[in-house]
Amino acid sequence: MHPLDHIVVAAYLLLTLGLGIFFGRHQSRQEFFAASRSMGWMVVGLSVMATLFSSNSFVMYPAAAYENSLRVGVALVGITAMSPLVVWVFIPVYSRLACSTAYDYLEKRFHVSVRCLASGLFILLRIGWMASATFAASVVIASVAEIPQVAVILSLGVVAIAYTMMGGLRAVMWTDVIQFFIFASTILLALGLLISRSGLTTADIAATYFDGRSNLIFDFSPSLALKYGSWALLIGYFLEGLSAFGADQVAVQRYISASSMRTSQIGFGINLLGMWLVIPGLLAIGVGLFAYFEVHPQELLPVLEQFDNEAAEGIAMGQVGAEIRAANLQDKALPQFVRLHFPPGMVGLFLAALMAAVMSSIDSGIHSVTTAIIIDFRDRLLPAWRPQDADRDVTLIRALVVIIGGLSITLACFVGSLGDVFDIAKKTTAAFGGPLLAVFILALFFRRASTLGVFVGALLGASVTMLLMQQHGDWFSMWFGPIGFGLTMTIGLITSFAWQSERDRQKTALTYWEVMRRDAEPSLQHGDSNEVS
């Protein structure tokens, strides 16, 4: 790394800490959890996008495209298809019922036990997600900067915990906005550099990528084991996106922070636009990497030698790329190009983009998990534990941020055994994200759904999904989310039809259609809840 790269990285880290200090002044509970419900549509939208489009994505999409497939780009279709449900179902329901967390709705609709179960699933989901996202970025940062991976995880974790603890949600969201612009500019610069250094035109790059290979954009073969199968991606991303943007406290917390329901809806549109810009850009980087290393395979040989010296011995130059993909080392292609070809200053920008992505994953995760623990568990089940003194309460909340953050970065040091970046990302969300979404769908659209039904369905759905993940390692990881969703829906409906209490019958007025018929003005601005404030 050039001294200019160190300056760029240091400037970014100091900026994030400065935001934490600046927004940390005069913190109240309402400010810490919901930014006083005053955020505008641009900040809400870019924060949602930057938070849930984590460092996993920065590494995953180029690696998937470099490996053998652009099929992962169908994620955009699934995400776009589920968007109307988020905009016209989830956001209005949270607004009209003035929910303090996503899981507050489930107590209103069913019982406090369902609220706690769903919030618990979310906490497990997000802690695993934080660990995997941190690991994914640290692999690349450590490779480019040539420092130990554990040191990367610990240092970035400490900075993210520090500004989150000090500045609360407002600092987290403004950091996300900065992260998005660093992220986008790095993608554009990387694409330009790939094209210029390869010596190929864009038409030549495309021809090199597609030459002699088939099913690179779609493959609808009916197979559970087919990696990047189009059916798995379409169904999986539709459900995963709906869970992440509709039933996940990370996104819901940003909707709650908005000044109005309309602000949240516009913000979600900004988030979708950002997806349509960033995902194609990252896939294009993967295509460019493939074409570049087909022309310059000798530059990729050191990667193979480092991880599999026997495979590298005597190998023909034309087979280096195929051997890299066979050895599941496609995640290393991008950092190798960065290390060899990015000019001084741009390496620092690339690292800053990855650092921004990983810290966005950590800060949003620990903040939303802390919110769920405090509001859904402590305040709801143990209200006597809530201090009467407001300043002391904020101090205890900040202490919990440090504890949750410490647990997440510790777990991140042990994630690598789960597989490549794509599998890591999906395995850590599938078991809980699918069942969590099913609970909300049952609550919103099925009058017959009962407390017992959704409780048993979620528990068994998550448990069976984890068992299947353990027993069927050859299945494409994207299938486990739909499997968990389907199991929870089926078990939940069967149990609900077998048993529905009088309390459940009285709460059918809180399904989606009944909530939307209410005369209450749908405004998050008026949704101040005692649980938050």
Protein backbone atom coordinates (compact mmCIF):
# COMPACT_ATOMS: atom_id res chain seq x y z
CA MET A 1 0.00 0.00 0.00
CA HIS A 2 1.12 3.51 -0.88
CA PRO A 3 1.13 6.21 1.83
CA LEU A 4 -1.75 7.85 -0.05
CA ASP A 5 -3.81 4.69 0.50
CA HIS A 6 -3.18 4.87 4.24
CA ILE A 7 -4.33 8.49 4.22
CA VAL A 8 -7.58 7.60 2.42
CA VAL A 9 -8.35 4.74 4.82
CA ALA A 10 -7.49 6.81 7.89
CA ALA A 11 -9.63 9.71 6.64
CA TYR A 12 -12.64 7.42 6.22
CA LEU A 13 -12.26 5.89 9.68
CA LEU A 14 -11.86 9.32 11.29
CA LEU A 15 -14.93 10.58 9.43
CA THR A 16 -17.10 7.76 10.77
CA LEU A 17 -15.86 8.30 14.31
CA GLY A 18 -16.44 12.03 13.90
CA LEU A 19 -20.06 11.39 12.90
CA GLY A 20 -20.52 9.29 16.01
CA ILE A 21 -19.13 12.03 18.22
CA PHE A 22 -21.13 14.76 16.47
CA PHE A 23 -24.47 12.97 16.68
CA GLY A 24 -23.68 11.61 20.14
CA ARG A 25 -24.34 14.94 21.79
CA HIS A 26 -27.60 15.20 23.77
CA GLN A 27 -28.65 11.62 23.06
CA SER A 28 -32.07 10.54 24.31
CA ARG A 29 -33.70 7.14 24.08
CA GLN A 30 -36.01 8.33 21.28
CA GLU A 31 -33.07 9.82 19.39
CA PHE A 32 -30.89 6.75 19.88
CA PHE A 33 -33.51 4.26 18.67
CA ALA A 34 -35.50 6.23 16.07
CA ALA A 35 -33.52 9.42 15.22
CA SER A 36 -36.49 11.33 16.69
CA ARG A 37 -38.56 10.15 13.69
CA SER A 38 -37.19 13.00 11.57
CA MET A 39 -35.22 11.39 8.72
CA GLY A 40 -35.85 12.31 5.07
CA TRP A 41 -36.53 10.00 2.13
CA MET A 42 -33.03 10.15 0.65
CA VAL A 43 -31.32 9.15 3.91
CA VAL A 44 -33.91 6.44 4.60
CA GLY A 45 -33.58 4.95 1.11
CA LEU A 46 -29.79 4.97 0.86
CA SER A 47 -29.47 3.69 4.42
CA VAL A 48 -31.78 0.74 3.73
CA MET A 49 -29.88 -0.07 0.56
CA ALA A 50 -26.39 0.28 2.07
CA THR A 51 -27.31 -1.68 5.19
CA LEU A 52 -28.88 -4.75 3.60
CA PHE A 53 -26.57 -4.69 0.55
CA SER A 54 -23.63 -5.61 2.71
CA SER A 55 -19.98 -6.47 2.24
CA ASN A 56 -21.14 -10.01 1.39
CA SER A 57 -22.65 -8.55 -1.78
CA PHE A 58 -19.51 -6.60 -2.72
CA VAL A 59 -17.52 -9.85 -2.78
CA MET A 60 -20.32 -12.26 -3.72
CA TYR A 61 -21.61 -10.81 -7.01
CA PRO A 62 -18.23 -10.37 -8.77
CA ALA A 63 -17.15 -13.81 -7.52
CA ALA A 64 -20.35 -15.45 -8.79
CA ALA A 65 -20.01 -13.79 -12.21
CA TYR A 66 -16.32 -14.71 -12.42
CA GLU A 67 -17.01 -18.30 -11.41
CA ASN A 68 -19.38 -19.37 -14.17
CA SER A 69 -22.64 -17.51 -14.06
CA LEU A 70 -24.48 -14.26 -14.48
CA ARG A 71 -27.63 -16.03 -13.37
CA VAL A 72 -27.37 -14.48 -9.93
CA GLY A 73 -28.44 -11.22 -11.59
CA VAL A 74 -32.00 -12.58 -11.58
CA ALA A 75 -31.97 -11.42 -7.96
CA LEU A 76 -33.08 -8.05 -9.32
CA VAL A 77 -36.24 -9.60 -10.73
CA GLY A 78 -37.11 -11.26 -7.42
CA ILE A 79 -36.38 -8.12 -5.41
CA THR A 80 -38.39 -5.91 -7.77
CA ALA A 81 -41.34 -8.32 -7.75
CA MET A 82 -41.62 -8.25 -3.96
CA SER A 83 -41.31 -4.45 -3.71
CA PRO A 84 -45.05 -3.64 -4.00
CA LEU A 85 -45.74 -5.81 -0.96
CA VAL A 86 -43.23 -3.85 1.12
CA VAL A 87 -44.48 -0.44 -0.08
CA TRP A 88 -48.23 -1.09 0.07
CA VAL A 89 -48.54 -3.74 2.78
CA PHE A 90 -45.75 -3.79 5.36
CA ILE A 91 -44.96 -0.06 5.62
CA PRO A 92 -48.64 1.04 5.88
CA VAL A 93 -49.40 -1.59 8.54
CA TYR A 94 -46.45 -0.54 10.70
CA SER A 95 -47.50 3.07 10.25
CA ARG A 96 -51.21 2.73 11.01
CA LEU A 97 -50.57 0.62 14.11
CA ALA A 98 -47.72 2.87 15.31
CA CYS A 99 -45.44 -0.14 15.85
CA SER A 100 -42.30 0.40 17.89
CA THR A 101 -40.59 -2.62 16.29
CA ALA A 102 -41.60 -5.00 13.51
CA TYR A 103 -42.46 -7.60 16.14
CA ASP A 104 -44.72 -5.25 18.05
CA TYR A 105 -47.28 -5.95 15.30
CA LEU A 106 -47.16 -9.68 16.04
CA GLU A 107 -48.13 -9.09 19.66
CA LYS A 108 -51.03 -6.89 18.57
CA ARG A 109 -52.12 -9.59 16.09
CA PHE A 110 -51.45 -12.68 18.24
CA HIS A 111 -49.74 -12.71 21.64
CA VAL A 112 -46.58 -11.54 23.33
CA SER A 113 -45.13 -15.06 22.98
CA VAL A 114 -45.19 -14.75 19.17
CA ARG A 115 -43.58 -11.33 19.41
CA CYS A 116 -40.74 -12.71 21.50
CA LEU A 117 -40.28 -15.77 19.27
CA ALA A 118 -40.08 -13.66 16.10
CA SER A 119 -37.79 -11.12 17.74
CA GLY A 120 -35.59 -13.98 18.95
CA LEU A 121 -35.37 -15.43 15.44
CA PHE A 122 -34.42 -11.99 14.14
CA ILE A 123 -31.69 -11.61 16.77
CA LEU A 124 -30.17 -14.98 15.83
CA LEU A 125 -30.48 -14.14 12.13
CA ARG A 126 -28.79 -10.75 12.42
CA ILE A 127 -25.96 -11.87 14.69
CA GLY A 128 -25.13 -14.61 12.17
CA TRP A 129 -25.51 -12.12 9.30
CA MET A 130 -23.17 -9.63 10.95
CA ALA A 131 -20.56 -12.32 11.50
CA SER A 132 -20.72 -13.54 7.88
CA ALA A 133 -20.69 -10.02 6.41
CA THR A 134 -17.70 -9.07 8.53
CA PHE A 135 -15.86 -12.23 7.53
CA ALA A 136 -16.57 -11.73 3.81
CA ALA A 137 -15.06 -8.25 3.68
CA SER A 138 -12.16 -9.10 5.97
CA VAL A 139 -10.99 -11.80 3.52
CA VAL A 140 -10.49 -9.21 0.79
CA ILE A 141 -9.19 -6.42 3.03
CA ALA A 142 -6.60 -8.71 4.62
CA SER A 143 -5.50 -9.96 1.20
CA VAL A 144 -5.08 -6.50 -0.31
CA ALA A 145 -3.59 -4.79 2.73
CA GLU A 146 -1.48 -7.87 3.62
CA ILE A 147 -2.43 -7.84 7.30
CA PRO A 148 -3.93 -10.66 9.41
CA GLN A 149 -7.63 -11.24 8.88
CA VAL A 150 -8.35 -11.30 12.61
CA ALA A 151 -6.76 -7.87 12.98
CA VAL A 152 -9.08 -6.53 10.25
CA ILE A 153 -12.17 -7.96 11.93
CA LEU A 154 -11.26 -6.61 15.34
CA SER A 155 -10.23 -3.13 14.21
CA LEU A 156 -13.26 -2.52 12.00
CA GLY A 157 -15.54 -3.97 14.64
CA VAL A 158 -14.20 -1.64 17.31
CA VAL A 159 -14.66 1.46 15.12
CA ALA A 160 -18.21 0.46 14.12
CA ILE A 161 -19.18 -0.27 17.72
CA ALA A 162 -17.71 3.05 18.86
CA TYR A 163 -19.65 5.35 16.51
CA THR A 164 -22.86 3.32 16.92
CA MET A 165 -22.61 3.48 20.69
CA MET A 166 -22.05 7.23 20.63
CA GLY A 167 -24.29 8.44 17.79
CA GLY A 168 -27.20 6.01 17.74
CA LEU A 169 -29.43 5.54 14.70
CA ARG A 170 -28.77 8.97 13.21
CA ALA A 171 -25.01 8.33 13.06
CA VAL A 172 -25.61 4.84 11.68
CA MET A 173 -27.88 6.10 8.89
CA TRP A 174 -25.65 8.98 7.81
CA THR A 175 -22.67 6.63 7.78
CA ASP A 176 -24.72 4.35 5.51
CA VAL A 177 -25.28 7.24 3.10
CA ILE A 178 -21.54 7.96 2.90
CA GLN A 179 -20.93 4.24 2.46
CA PHE A 180 -23.27 4.09 -0.54
CA PHE A 181 -21.43 6.85 -2.42
CA ILE A 182 -18.02 5.32 -1.68
CA PHE A 183 -19.38 1.96 -2.78
CA ALA A 184 -20.83 3.29 -6.06
CA SER A 185 -17.77 5.34 -7.01
CA THR A 186 -15.46 2.40 -6.37
CA ILE A 187 -17.52 0.17 -8.68
CA LEU A 188 -17.33 2.72 -11.50
CA LEU A 189 -13.59 3.21 -11.08
CA ALA A 190 -12.95 -0.54 -10.93
CA LEU A 191 -14.91 -1.10 -14.15
CA GLY A 192 -12.98 1.61 -15.94
CA LEU A 193 -9.66 0.22 -14.78
CA LEU A 194 -10.56 -3.35 -15.80
CA ILE A 195 -11.43 -2.25 -19.32
CA SER A 196 -8.34 -0.09 -19.73
CA ARG A 197 -5.86 -2.66 -18.34
CA SER A 198 -7.29 -5.61 -20.26
CA GLY A 199 -6.68 -3.96 -23.62
CA LEU A 200 -10.04 -5.32 -24.79
CA THR A 201 -13.15 -3.55 -25.94
CA THR A 202 -16.41 -4.17 -24.10
CA ALA A 203 -17.49 -6.36 -27.03
CA ASP A 204 -14.26 -8.39 -26.72
CA ILE A 205 -14.80 -8.79 -22.97
CA ALA A 206 -18.33 -10.09 -23.51
CA ALA A 207 -17.19 -12.44 -26.28
CA THR A 208 -14.41 -13.85 -24.10
CA TYR A 209 -16.82 -14.41 -21.23
CA PHE A 210 -19.51 -16.22 -23.24
CA ASP A 211 -17.22 -18.12 -25.64
CA GLY A 212 -17.83 -21.88 -25.44
CA ARG A 213 -20.11 -21.69 -22.40
CA SER A 214 -23.88 -22.04 -22.08
CA ASN A 215 -26.64 -21.28 -19.58
CA LEU A 216 -24.75 -18.29 -18.19
CA ILE A 217 -27.81 -16.05 -17.85
CA PHE A 218 -30.65 -18.52 -17.17
CA ASP A 219 -30.86 -22.18 -16.24
CA PHE A 220 -34.30 -23.46 -15.30
CA SER A 221 -33.21 -27.06 -14.78
CA PRO A 222 -35.33 -28.58 -11.95
CA SER A 223 -32.54 -29.47 -9.54
CA LEU A 224 -31.98 -28.76 -5.86
CA ALA A 225 -28.23 -29.17 -6.34
CA LEU A 226 -27.78 -26.82 -9.32
CA LYS A 227 -25.71 -23.85 -8.18
CA TYR A 228 -27.22 -20.53 -9.24
CA GLY A 229 -30.27 -22.30 -10.66
CA SER A 230 -32.77 -19.74 -11.95
CA TRP A 231 -35.76 -21.20 -10.10
CA ALA A 232 -33.89 -21.13 -6.80
CA LEU A 233 -32.73 -17.56 -7.39
CA LEU A 234 -36.12 -16.22 -8.45
CA ILE A 235 -38.06 -17.81 -5.61
CA GLY A 236 -35.28 -17.41 -3.08
CA TYR A 237 -34.60 -13.73 -3.71
CA PHE A 238 -38.31 -12.90 -3.78
CA LEU A 239 -38.79 -14.40 -0.32
CA GLU A 240 -35.42 -13.29 1.05
CA GLY A 241 -36.02 -9.73 -0.12
CA LEU A 242 -39.52 -9.67 1.35
CA SER A 243 -38.16 -10.95 4.66
CA ALA A 244 -35.26 -8.49 4.71
CA PHE A 245 -37.21 -5.39 3.68
CA GLY A 246 -40.56 -6.19 5.25
CA ALA A 247 -40.07 -8.34 8.35
CA ASP A 248 -36.58 -7.43 9.48
CA GLN A 249 -36.00 -4.86 12.21
CA VAL A 250 -32.94 -3.49 10.36
CA ALA A 251 -35.18 -2.13 7.58
CA VAL A 252 -38.24 -1.45 9.75
CA GLN A 253 -36.16 0.69 12.08
CA ARG A 254 -35.40 2.98 9.15
CA TYR A 255 -39.08 3.19 8.20
CA ILE A 256 -39.86 4.13 11.80
CA SER A 257 -37.18 6.85 11.72
CA ALA A 258 -38.84 8.55 8.73
CA SER A 259 -40.90 11.70 9.14
CA SER A 260 -43.96 10.11 7.51
CA MET A 261 -45.22 6.94 5.87
CA ARG A 262 -44.88 8.58 2.45
CA THR A 263 -41.23 9.33 3.23
CA SER A 264 -40.61 5.66 3.97
CA GLN A 265 -42.29 4.57 0.74
CA ILE A 266 -40.28 7.01 -1.38
CA GLY A 267 -37.14 5.95 0.47
CA PHE A 268 -37.80 2.34 -0.44
CA GLY A 269 -38.04 3.39 -4.10
CA ILE A 270 -34.61 5.02 -3.79
CA ASN A 271 -33.32 1.76 -2.31
CA LEU A 272 -34.67 -0.22 -5.29
CA LEU A 273 -33.09 2.21 -7.77
CA GLY A 274 -29.76 1.80 -5.98
CA MET A 275 -30.04 -1.99 -6.34
CA TRP A 276 -30.55 -1.65 -10.09
CA LEU A 277 -27.38 0.42 -10.33
CA VAL A 278 -25.08 -1.52 -8.02
CA ILE A 279 -25.86 -5.19 -8.78
CA PRO A 280 -25.27 -4.90 -12.57
CA GLY A 281 -22.08 -2.95 -11.83
CA LEU A 282 -20.73 -5.70 -9.57
CA LEU A 283 -21.66 -8.42 -12.07
CA ALA A 284 -19.89 -6.44 -14.80
CA ILE A 285 -16.76 -6.42 -12.62
CA GLY A 286 -16.95 -10.22 -12.44
CA VAL A 287 -17.24 -10.45 -16.24
CA GLY A 288 -14.29 -8.09 -16.62
CA LEU A 289 -12.19 -10.13 -14.18
CA PHE A 290 -12.90 -13.30 -16.14
CA ALA A 291 -11.88 -11.72 -19.44
CA TYR A 292 -8.79 -10.05 -17.98
CA PHE A 293 -7.40 -13.19 -16.34
CA GLU A 294 -8.12 -15.26 -19.44
CA VAL A 295 -5.73 -12.91 -21.25
CA HIS A 296 -3.28 -12.66 -18.31
CA PRO A 297 -3.54 -16.04 -16.49
CA GLN A 298 0.01 -15.77 -15.11
CA GLU A 299 -1.17 -13.04 -12.75
CA LEU A 300 -3.66 -15.43 -11.15
CA LEU A 301 -1.17 -18.27 -10.69
CA PRO A 302 0.16 -16.96 -7.32
CA VAL A 303 -3.35 -17.28 -5.87
CA LEU A 304 -3.46 -20.94 -6.82
CA GLU A 305 0.07 -21.53 -5.53
CA GLN A 306 -0.81 -19.94 -2.19
CA PHE A 307 -3.85 -22.15 -1.58
CA ASP A 308 -3.06 -25.30 -3.57
CA ASN A 309 0.60 -25.54 -4.54
CA GLU A 310 0.24 -29.10 -5.87
CA ALA A 311 -2.50 -28.08 -8.28
CA ALA A 312 -0.36 -25.17 -9.50
CA GLU A 313 2.67 -27.30 -10.35
CA GLY A 314 3.03 -27.90 -14.07
CA ILE A 315 -0.38 -26.45 -14.92
CA ALA A 316 -0.87 -24.90 -18.35
CA MET A 317 -1.49 -21.16 -18.30
CA GLY A 318 -4.77 -21.64 -20.13
CA GLN A 319 -6.08 -23.81 -17.29
CA VAL A 320 -5.29 -21.47 -14.39
CA GLY A 321 -8.72 -19.84 -14.36
CA ALA A 322 -10.56 -23.16 -14.53
CA GLU A 323 -8.42 -24.52 -11.70
CA ILE A 324 -9.15 -21.43 -9.59
CA ARG A 325 -12.88 -21.97 -10.04
CA ALA A 326 -12.60 -25.70 -9.38
CA ALA A 327 -10.73 -24.97 -6.14
CA ASN A 328 -13.53 -22.56 -5.06
CA LEU A 329 -11.09 -19.61 -5.01
CA GLN A 330 -13.15 -17.24 -7.15
CA ASP A 331 -13.45 -14.89 -4.14
CA LYS A 332 -9.73 -14.16 -4.56
CA ALA A 333 -9.85 -12.86 -8.14
CA LEU A 334 -10.95 -9.32 -7.30
CA PRO A 335 -8.41 -8.69 -4.51
CA GLN A 336 -5.65 -10.04 -6.75
CA PHE A 337 -6.51 -7.54 -9.48
CA VAL A 338 -6.73 -4.72 -6.93
CA ARG A 339 -3.35 -5.60 -5.47
CA LEU A 340 -1.65 -5.68 -8.88
CA HIS A 341 -3.31 -2.87 -10.81
CA PHE A 342 -5.05 -0.28 -8.67
CA PRO A 343 -3.00 2.96 -8.54
CA PRO A 344 -2.02 4.71 -5.27
CA GLY A 345 -5.04 6.23 -3.58
CA MET A 346 -7.48 3.99 -5.43
CA VAL A 347 -6.39 0.98 -3.38
CA GLY A 348 -7.24 3.02 -0.32
CA LEU A 349 -10.62 3.92 -1.82
CA PHE A 350 -11.31 0.26 -2.55
CA LEU A 351 -10.42 -0.68 1.02
CA ALA A 352 -12.52 2.19 2.33
CA ALA A 353 -15.48 0.87 0.31
CA LEU A 354 -15.07 -2.57 1.82
CA MET A 355 -14.58 -1.12 5.29
CA ALA A 356 -17.68 1.01 4.81
CA ALA A 357 -19.64 -2.06 3.73
CA VAL A 358 -18.55 -4.18 6.66
CA MET A 359 -19.04 -1.42 9.22
CA SER A 360 -22.48 -0.70 7.77
CA SER A 361 -23.32 -4.35 8.36
CA ILE A 362 -22.00 -4.24 11.92
CA ASP A 363 -23.48 -0.90 12.99
CA SER A 364 -26.97 -1.59 11.63
CA GLY A 365 -26.97 -5.12 13.00
CA ILE A 366 -25.89 -4.31 16.54
CA HIS A 367 -28.19 -1.27 16.69
CA SER A 368 -31.28 -3.16 15.56
CA VAL A 369 -30.50 -6.21 17.72
CA THR A 370 -30.06 -3.91 20.71
CA THR A 371 -33.39 -2.26 19.89
CA ALA A 372 -35.12 -5.65 19.76
CA ILE A 373 -33.61 -6.82 23.04
CA ILE A 374 -34.52 -3.61 24.88
CA ILE A 375 -38.02 -3.00 23.48
CA ASP A 376 -39.26 -6.52 22.75
CA PHE A 377 -37.76 -8.26 25.78
CA ARG A 378 -36.59 -6.00 28.60
CA ASP A 379 -39.27 -3.32 28.43
CA ARG A 380 -42.07 -5.75 27.56
CA LEU A 381 -41.27 -8.67 29.87
CA LEU A 382 -39.20 -7.01 32.61
CA PRO A 383 -40.37 -3.39 32.82
CA ALA A 384 -39.03 -3.07 36.37
CA TRP A 385 -35.51 -3.38 34.91
CA ARG A 386 -35.92 -0.15 32.96
CA PRO A 387 -34.20 2.69 34.86
CA GLN A 388 -36.33 5.68 35.79
CA ASP A 389 -33.43 7.99 35.02
CA ALA A 390 -33.31 8.65 31.25
CA ASP A 391 -29.55 9.21 31.13
CA ARG A 392 -28.89 5.94 32.94
CA ASP A 393 -31.17 4.12 30.50
CA VAL A 394 -29.17 5.47 27.52
CA THR A 395 -25.95 4.41 29.26
CA LEU A 396 -27.23 0.84 29.71
CA ILE A 397 -28.40 0.73 26.08
CA ARG A 398 -24.93 1.81 24.94
CA ALA A 399 -23.36 -0.90 27.10
CA LEU A 400 -25.57 -3.49 25.40
CA VAL A 401 -24.41 -2.19 21.99
CA VAL A 402 -20.83 -2.97 23.04
CA ILE A 403 -21.75 -6.47 24.25
CA ILE A 404 -23.70 -7.38 21.08
CA GLY A 405 -20.96 -5.94 18.88
CA GLY A 406 -18.28 -7.87 20.74
CA LEU A 407 -20.19 -11.13 20.32
CA SER A 408 -20.66 -10.55 16.58
CA ILE A 409 -17.05 -9.75 15.76
CA THR A 410 -15.91 -12.73 17.84
CA LEU A 411 -18.17 -15.04 15.81
CA ALA A 412 -16.85 -13.47 12.60
CA CYS A 413 -13.45 -14.98 13.33
CA PHE A 414 -14.93 -18.49 13.00
CA VAL A 415 -17.26 -18.20 9.98
CA GLY A 416 -14.85 -19.37 7.27
CA SER A 417 -15.60 -23.08 7.59
CA LEU A 418 -19.14 -22.60 6.16
CA GLY A 419 -17.96 -22.34 2.52
CA ASP A 420 -17.58 -19.60 -0.10
CA VAL A 421 -19.01 -16.12 0.39
CA PHE A 422 -22.33 -16.86 -1.32
CA ASP A 423 -22.94 -19.98 0.78
CA ILE A 424 -21.88 -18.18 3.95
CA ALA A 425 -24.39 -15.42 3.30
CA LYS A 426 -27.30 -17.76 2.58
CA LYS A 427 -26.63 -20.36 5.25
CA THR A 428 -26.57 -17.74 7.98
CA THR A 429 -29.96 -16.29 6.96
CA ALA A 430 -31.97 -19.19 5.52
CA ALA A 431 -32.85 -21.00 8.74
CA PHE A 432 -34.42 -17.95 10.38
CA GLY A 433 -35.35 -15.54 7.57
CA GLY A 434 -37.85 -17.88 5.84
CA PRO A 435 -39.77 -18.84 9.01
CA LEU A 436 -39.76 -15.22 10.19
CA LEU A 437 -41.37 -14.06 6.94
CA ALA A 438 -43.95 -16.86 7.11
CA VAL A 439 -45.08 -15.66 10.55
CA PHE A 440 -45.79 -12.19 9.13
CA ILE A 441 -47.60 -13.55 6.05
CA LEU A 442 -49.82 -15.70 8.28
CA ALA A 443 -50.51 -12.71 10.50
CA LEU A 444 -51.30 -10.31 7.67
CA PHE A 445 -53.34 -12.44 5.27
CA PHE A 446 -54.86 -15.40 7.14
CA ARG A 447 -57.73 -14.65 9.48
CA ARG A 448 -57.68 -18.26 10.66
CA ALA A 449 -54.01 -18.08 11.74
CA SER A 450 -53.67 -18.66 15.47
CA THR A 451 -51.06 -17.98 18.12
CA LEU A 452 -50.37 -21.69 18.58
CA GLY A 453 -50.19 -22.26 14.83
CA VAL A 454 -47.60 -19.59 14.05
CA PHE A 455 -45.57 -20.40 17.17
CA VAL A 456 -45.33 -24.13 16.40
CA GLY A 457 -44.85 -23.45 12.68
CA ALA A 458 -41.93 -21.07 13.24
CA LEU A 459 -40.16 -23.33 15.71
CA LEU A 460 -40.50 -26.47 13.60
CA GLY A 461 -39.83 -24.63 10.35
CA ALA A 462 -36.53 -23.21 11.62
CA SER A 463 -35.48 -26.49 13.25
CA VAL A 464 -36.21 -28.67 10.21
CA THR A 465 -34.48 -26.18 7.89
CA MET A 466 -31.31 -26.30 9.99
CA LEU A 467 -31.47 -30.10 9.99
CA LEU A 468 -31.81 -30.19 6.21
CA MET A 469 -28.89 -27.80 5.83
CA GLN A 470 -26.77 -30.19 7.87
CA GLN A 471 -27.86 -33.33 6.03
CA HIS A 472 -27.96 -32.00 2.45
CA GLY A 473 -24.81 -29.98 1.96
CA ASP A 474 -25.03 -30.62 -1.79
CA TRP A 475 -28.26 -28.62 -2.15
CA PHE A 476 -27.88 -25.09 -3.49
CA SER A 477 -27.99 -22.83 -0.43
CA MET A 478 -30.62 -20.52 -1.95
CA TRP A 479 -33.27 -23.24 -1.58
CA PHE A 480 -33.17 -23.31 2.22
CA GLY A 481 -34.95 -19.97 2.63
CA PRO A 482 -38.02 -21.08 0.59
CA ILE A 483 -37.96 -24.44 2.36
CA GLY A 484 -38.08 -22.76 5.79
CA PHE A 485 -40.85 -20.44 4.60
CA GLY A 486 -42.91 -23.27 3.13
CA LEU A 487 -42.54 -25.50 6.18
CA THR A 488 -43.60 -22.72 8.54
CA MET A 489 -46.59 -21.77 6.40
CA THR A 490 -47.77 -25.38 6.08
CA ILE A 491 -47.34 -26.33 9.73
CA GLY A 492 -48.74 -22.99 10.88
CA LEU A 493 -51.91 -23.30 8.77
CA ILE A 494 -52.55 -26.94 9.70
CA THR A 495 -52.13 -26.20 13.41
CA SER A 496 -54.24 -23.04 13.17
CA PHE A 497 -57.13 -24.85 11.52
CA ALA A 498 -56.93 -27.50 14.22
CA TRP A 499 -56.98 -24.94 17.03
CA GLN A 500 -57.96 -21.27 17.25
CA SER A 501 -58.68 -19.70 20.61
CA GLU A 502 -61.30 -17.05 21.38
CA ARG A 503 -58.47 -14.50 21.78
CA ASP A 504 -57.29 -15.30 18.25
CA ARG A 505 -60.79 -14.78 16.86
CA GLN A 506 -60.97 -11.37 18.50
CA LYS A 507 -57.68 -10.28 16.91
CA THR A 508 -58.59 -11.05 13.30
CA ALA A 509 -59.37 -7.33 13.01
CA LEU A 510 -55.62 -6.81 12.74
CA THR A 511 -55.10 -8.60 9.43
CA TYR A 512 -53.98 -6.43 6.54
CA TRP A 513 -57.38 -5.69 5.04
CA GLU A 514 -58.94 -4.73 8.38
CA VAL A 515 -56.00 -2.49 9.29
CA MET A 516 -56.22 -0.68 5.95
CA ARG A 517 -59.92 0.00 6.47
CA ARG A 518 -59.18 1.97 9.60
CA ASP A 519 -59.80 5.69 9.54
CA ALA A 520 -56.51 6.51 11.26
CA GLU A 521 -54.18 8.77 9.30
CA PRO A 522 -51.28 6.58 8.07
CA SER A 523 -48.32 8.55 9.33
CA LEU A 524 -45.18 7.32 10.99
CA GLN A 525 -44.74 10.83 12.26
CA HIS A 526 -47.61 10.29 14.67
CA GLY A 527 -46.49 6.81 15.63
CA ASP A 528 -44.62 7.71 18.81
CA SER A 529 -44.90 4.71 21.06
CA ASN A 530 -44.21 4.57 24.74
CA GLU A 531 -42.07 1.53 24.08
CA VAL A 532 -39.67 3.64 22.00
CA SER A 533 -39.88 6.91 23.86
